[in-house]
Amino acid sequence: MALFNLSLYIFLSFVQNVIDIERMLVVRELSLRLLIIWLICIFLTGFFALVARSIHLHTITSFDDPIIDFVQGAETTWLTAIMKAFTTIGSTAVVVLLAVFALAILLRLQYRAQAILLVSVLAGTGILNQVLKFIFKRERPDFYRLIEITGYSFPSGHTMMAFSLYTILAYIVWRNLRFTWSRVVVVILATVMIVMIALSRIYLGVHYPSDIVGGMLASMVWLIASIAMYQQFQHQRQSKTALSKERKSYR
């Protein structure tokens, strides 16, 4: 948990710094920024492809089985109740409800660009998940289950939506916070939600660990691309505003 916590914090910091790199460069800043973003996305896509190929070749079992045994070996009545609660929180209905609530707040505060970013990330994640499930058509685990569910397994829809929702909310809040400690709190809360929802899918027997990894990788690619487009839009808008003010000052 602590490692994932730190990883998400570094991820948010890294994305922010990479996308804002033009502020520190004098020449070729746009081209370099786009190059870095493309390289990151290509790397993550390659990692996703590696996981998918391992699933196809059935070599991923050496990764999946020990984790499944460990997670499901911790089964207790009270833990099952907690895991069912987290998997419900990661359901489509709850994600949509939370997204609508967050969207209403953003619109109320007149953060229209960030509202569009939120909708784009979540809608894109949902579509991407369904497309990937249709492509790979991996059957769900056929061993011990605590709940019954239909549909394909790879990548995990709950994980993708949870990762996208809580990471983009953390990113939006992050941009509006000044103090490091408050940013750390946001990252911790987002991390807890993502990790617990992901673990609940393994614990309840409806996903392989590799489904979780694949879901996170796919979401990362879409998140980075979406945030990059958002930052580019903001940069262009600020540049136009600055240029307009400069022209007015000469009149």
Protein backbone atom coordinates (compact mmCIF):
# COMPACT_ATOMS: atom_id res chain seq x y z
CA MET A 1 0.00 0.00 0.00
CA ALA A 2 2.78 2.43 0.94
CA LEU A 3 4.65 1.60 -2.27
CA PHE A 4 1.54 2.15 -4.40
CA ASN A 5 0.89 5.35 -2.45
CA LEU A 6 4.33 6.66 -3.32
CA SER A 7 3.97 5.47 -6.91
CA LEU A 8 0.71 7.36 -7.43
CA TYR A 9 2.19 10.49 -5.84
CA ILE A 10 5.22 10.25 -8.14
CA PHE A 11 2.94 9.50 -11.10
CA LEU A 12 0.87 12.65 -10.53
CA SER A 13 3.97 14.76 -9.95
CA PHE A 14 5.65 13.29 -13.03
CA VAL A 15 2.65 13.84 -15.30
CA GLN A 16 2.28 17.41 -14.05
CA ASN A 17 5.97 18.19 -14.54
CA VAL A 18 6.20 16.49 -17.93
CA ILE A 19 3.13 18.24 -19.27
CA ASP A 20 4.25 21.61 -17.88
CA ILE A 21 7.81 21.19 -19.15
CA GLU A 22 7.37 24.00 -21.68
CA ARG A 23 7.60 26.49 -18.82
CA MET A 24 11.22 25.49 -18.27
CA LEU A 25 12.32 25.29 -21.89
CA VAL A 26 13.19 28.14 -24.22
CA VAL A 27 13.23 26.32 -27.57
CA ARG A 28 11.48 23.29 -28.98
CA GLU A 29 9.40 22.99 -25.82
CA LEU A 30 6.22 21.79 -27.52
CA SER A 31 7.94 19.16 -29.64
CA LEU A 32 9.92 17.84 -26.69
CA ARG A 33 6.85 17.70 -24.47
CA LEU A 34 4.88 15.77 -27.06
CA LEU A 35 7.83 13.44 -27.66
CA ILE A 36 8.10 12.62 -23.95
CA ILE A 37 4.36 12.01 -23.68
CA TRP A 38 4.39 9.75 -26.74
CA LEU A 39 7.34 7.79 -25.37
CA ILE A 40 5.58 7.26 -22.05
CA CYS A 41 2.39 6.12 -23.78
CA ILE A 42 4.33 3.79 -26.08
CA PHE A 43 6.15 2.27 -23.11
CA LEU A 44 2.91 1.69 -21.19
CA THR A 45 1.21 0.30 -24.29
CA GLY A 46 4.13 -2.06 -24.81
CA PHE A 47 3.87 -3.23 -21.21
CA PHE A 48 0.14 -3.80 -21.72
CA ALA A 49 0.85 -5.79 -24.89
CA LEU A 50 3.36 -7.90 -22.97
CA VAL A 51 0.75 -8.72 -20.33
CA ALA A 52 -1.82 -9.53 -23.02
CA ARG A 53 0.62 -11.81 -24.84
CA SER A 54 1.49 -13.60 -21.60
CA ILE A 55 -2.21 -14.22 -21.07
CA HIS A 56 -2.56 -15.57 -24.60
CA LEU A 57 0.41 -17.91 -24.11
CA HIS A 58 -0.83 -18.95 -20.65
CA THR A 59 2.52 -18.02 -19.10
CA ILE A 60 0.91 -15.44 -16.81
CA THR A 61 -0.25 -18.12 -14.38
CA SER A 62 3.06 -17.96 -12.53
CA PHE A 63 2.16 -14.36 -11.73
CA ASP A 64 -1.57 -14.78 -11.14
CA ASP A 65 -1.78 -17.93 -9.04
CA PRO A 66 0.42 -16.96 -6.06
CA ILE A 67 -1.36 -13.61 -5.71
CA ILE A 68 -4.79 -15.24 -5.91
CA ASP A 69 -3.81 -17.81 -3.28
CA PHE A 70 -2.49 -15.10 -0.97
CA VAL A 71 -5.45 -12.72 -1.33
CA GLN A 72 -8.18 -15.35 -1.15
CA GLY A 73 -6.33 -17.10 1.66
CA ALA A 74 -7.13 -14.11 3.87
CA GLU A 75 -10.89 -14.72 3.63
CA THR A 76 -12.94 -13.90 6.71
CA THR A 77 -16.57 -12.91 7.18
CA TRP A 78 -15.82 -9.29 8.03
CA LEU A 79 -13.24 -8.92 5.24
CA THR A 80 -15.71 -10.33 2.72
CA ALA A 81 -18.22 -7.67 3.76
CA ILE A 82 -15.60 -4.95 3.30
CA MET A 83 -14.53 -6.26 -0.09
CA LYS A 84 -18.13 -6.46 -1.29
CA ALA A 85 -18.59 -2.86 -0.19
CA PHE A 86 -15.55 -1.70 -2.15
CA THR A 87 -16.55 -3.64 -5.25
CA THR A 88 -19.95 -1.94 -5.04
CA ILE A 89 -18.23 1.45 -4.80
CA GLY A 90 -16.40 0.55 -8.01
CA SER A 91 -19.60 -0.39 -9.84
CA THR A 92 -20.84 1.59 -12.83
CA ALA A 93 -23.80 3.04 -10.94
CA VAL A 94 -21.67 4.43 -8.10
CA VAL A 95 -18.94 5.68 -10.44
CA VAL A 96 -21.53 7.55 -12.51
CA LEU A 97 -23.10 8.98 -9.35
CA LEU A 98 -19.73 10.22 -8.05
CA ALA A 99 -18.82 11.59 -11.47
CA VAL A 100 -22.09 13.53 -11.73
CA PHE A 101 -21.56 14.94 -8.24
CA ALA A 102 -18.00 16.01 -9.08
CA LEU A 103 -19.16 17.42 -12.42
CA ALA A 104 -21.84 19.49 -10.69
CA ILE A 105 -19.24 20.96 -8.32
CA LEU A 106 -16.87 21.81 -11.17
CA LEU A 107 -19.61 23.50 -13.16
CA ARG A 108 -20.77 25.35 -10.06
CA LEU A 109 -17.23 26.68 -9.63
CA GLN A 110 -17.15 27.47 -13.37
CA TYR A 111 -14.25 25.08 -13.99
CA ARG A 112 -15.61 24.16 -17.40
CA ALA A 113 -12.35 22.90 -18.89
CA GLN A 114 -11.77 20.59 -15.93
CA ALA A 115 -15.38 19.40 -16.16
CA ILE A 116 -14.81 18.48 -19.80
CA LEU A 117 -11.60 16.72 -18.81
CA LEU A 118 -13.45 14.65 -16.19
CA VAL A 119 -16.17 13.59 -18.63
CA SER A 120 -13.67 12.82 -21.39
CA VAL A 121 -11.49 10.67 -19.14
CA LEU A 122 -14.36 8.61 -17.74
CA ALA A 123 -16.26 8.23 -21.02
CA GLY A 124 -13.07 7.29 -22.84
CA THR A 125 -12.12 4.80 -20.15
CA GLY A 126 -15.49 3.08 -20.34
CA ILE A 127 -15.36 2.81 -24.12
CA LEU A 128 -11.74 1.63 -24.10
CA ASN A 129 -12.52 -1.06 -21.55
CA GLN A 130 -15.37 -2.48 -23.60
CA VAL A 131 -13.28 -2.46 -26.78
CA LEU A 132 -10.39 -4.26 -25.08
CA LYS A 133 -12.69 -6.83 -23.50
CA PHE A 134 -14.20 -7.54 -26.92
CA ILE A 135 -10.76 -7.90 -28.49
CA PHE A 136 -9.24 -10.24 -25.91
CA LYS A 137 -12.37 -12.09 -24.74
CA ARG A 138 -10.70 -13.59 -21.70
CA GLU A 139 -13.02 -15.70 -19.60
CA ARG A 140 -13.34 -14.92 -15.92
CA PRO A 141 -11.67 -17.16 -13.32
CA ASP A 142 -13.51 -20.47 -12.94
CA PHE A 143 -12.35 -21.18 -9.42
CA TYR A 144 -13.73 -20.11 -6.05
CA ARG A 145 -16.06 -17.10 -6.29
CA LEU A 146 -17.88 -15.14 -3.62
CA ILE A 147 -20.09 -13.31 -6.11
CA GLU A 148 -21.38 -14.16 -9.57
CA ILE A 149 -20.84 -11.88 -12.52
CA THR A 150 -20.95 -12.19 -16.31
CA GLY A 151 -18.83 -10.70 -19.07
CA TYR A 152 -15.19 -10.93 -20.03
CA SER A 153 -12.33 -10.54 -17.59
CA PHE A 154 -9.45 -8.66 -19.23
CA PRO A 155 -8.88 -5.86 -18.51
CA SER A 156 -10.77 -5.23 -15.27
CA GLY A 157 -13.51 -2.66 -15.78
CA HIS A 158 -13.77 -1.88 -12.08
CA THR A 159 -10.04 -1.23 -11.90
CA MET A 160 -9.97 0.92 -15.01
CA MET A 161 -12.88 3.08 -13.89
CA ALA A 162 -11.62 3.36 -10.31
CA PHE A 163 -8.10 4.25 -11.46
CA SER A 164 -9.39 6.85 -13.93
CA LEU A 165 -12.00 8.35 -11.59
CA TYR A 166 -9.89 8.74 -8.48
CA THR A 167 -6.69 9.67 -10.31
CA ILE A 168 -8.35 12.39 -12.39
CA LEU A 169 -10.18 13.72 -9.33
CA ALA A 170 -6.87 13.72 -7.44
CA TYR A 171 -5.25 15.53 -10.36
CA ILE A 172 -7.95 18.20 -10.51
CA VAL A 173 -7.85 18.77 -6.76
CA TRP A 174 -4.02 18.63 -6.85
CA ARG A 175 -3.92 21.57 -9.27
CA ASN A 176 -5.97 23.68 -6.89
CA LEU A 177 -3.99 22.92 -3.72
CA ARG A 178 -0.89 24.82 -2.64
CA PHE A 179 0.44 22.81 0.26
CA THR A 180 2.34 19.55 -0.10
CA TRP A 181 0.65 17.93 2.90
CA SER A 182 -2.80 18.47 1.41
CA ARG A 183 -1.67 16.94 -1.87
CA VAL A 184 -0.30 13.95 0.02
CA VAL A 185 -3.67 13.47 1.74
CA VAL A 186 -5.45 13.53 -1.63
CA VAL A 187 -3.02 10.96 -3.06
CA ILE A 188 -3.46 8.69 -0.03
CA LEU A 189 -7.26 8.78 -0.31
CA ALA A 190 -7.15 8.10 -4.05
CA THR A 191 -4.66 5.28 -3.53
CA VAL A 192 -6.76 3.59 -0.87
CA MET A 193 -9.83 3.62 -3.11
CA ILE A 194 -7.98 2.31 -6.17
CA VAL A 195 -6.10 -0.42 -4.33
CA MET A 196 -9.10 -1.64 -2.33
CA ILE A 197 -11.41 -1.77 -5.34
CA ALA A 198 -8.75 -3.64 -7.33
CA LEU A 199 -8.07 -6.08 -4.49
CA SER A 200 -11.78 -6.69 -3.99
CA ARG A 201 -12.04 -8.06 -7.53
CA ILE A 202 -9.32 -10.63 -6.85
CA TYR A 203 -10.62 -11.45 -3.38
CA LEU A 204 -14.15 -12.06 -4.65
CA GLY A 205 -12.83 -14.34 -7.39
CA VAL A 206 -14.04 -12.42 -10.44
CA HIS A 207 -10.67 -11.23 -11.79
CA TYR A 208 -7.12 -12.39 -12.22
CA PRO A 209 -4.33 -10.12 -10.93
CA SER A 210 -3.19 -9.68 -14.54
CA ASP A 211 -6.64 -8.22 -15.31
CA ILE A 212 -5.93 -5.60 -12.66
CA VAL A 213 -2.48 -4.79 -14.04
CA GLY A 214 -3.83 -4.56 -17.57
CA GLY A 215 -6.63 -2.27 -16.44
CA MET A 216 -4.25 0.11 -14.71
CA LEU A 217 -1.91 0.24 -17.71
CA ALA A 218 -4.74 0.95 -20.14
CA SER A 219 -6.12 3.67 -17.87
CA MET A 220 -2.68 5.26 -17.50
CA VAL A 221 -2.31 5.61 -21.27
CA TRP A 222 -5.72 7.24 -21.65
CA LEU A 223 -5.20 9.47 -18.61
CA ILE A 224 -1.83 10.77 -19.79
CA ALA A 225 -3.17 11.46 -23.28
CA SER A 226 -6.26 13.21 -21.88
CA ILE A 227 -4.32 15.35 -19.41
CA ALA A 228 -1.84 16.26 -22.14
CA MET A 229 -4.63 17.48 -24.41
CA TYR A 230 -6.17 19.40 -21.52
CA GLN A 231 -2.88 21.09 -20.67
CA GLN A 232 -2.27 21.94 -24.30
CA PHE A 233 -5.72 23.54 -24.49
CA GLN A 234 -5.04 25.52 -21.32
CA HIS A 235 -1.64 26.62 -22.63
CA GLN A 236 -3.13 27.84 -25.92
CA ARG A 237 -5.93 29.67 -24.14
CA GLN A 238 -3.51 31.39 -21.77
CA SER A 239 -1.27 32.34 -24.68
CA LYS A 240 -4.21 33.89 -26.56
CA THR A 241 -5.28 35.77 -23.45
CA ALA A 242 -1.77 37.10 -22.87
CA LEU A 243 -1.46 38.12 -26.53
CA SER A 244 -4.82 39.88 -26.42
CA LYS A 245 -3.80 41.85 -23.32
CA GLU A 246 -0.50 42.76 -24.92
CA ARG A 247 -2.23 44.10 -28.01
CA LYS A 248 -4.62 46.16 -25.90
CA SER A 249 -1.71 47.69 -24.00
CA TYR A 250 -0.33 49.12 -27.24
CA ARG A 251 -3.57 50.84 -28.19
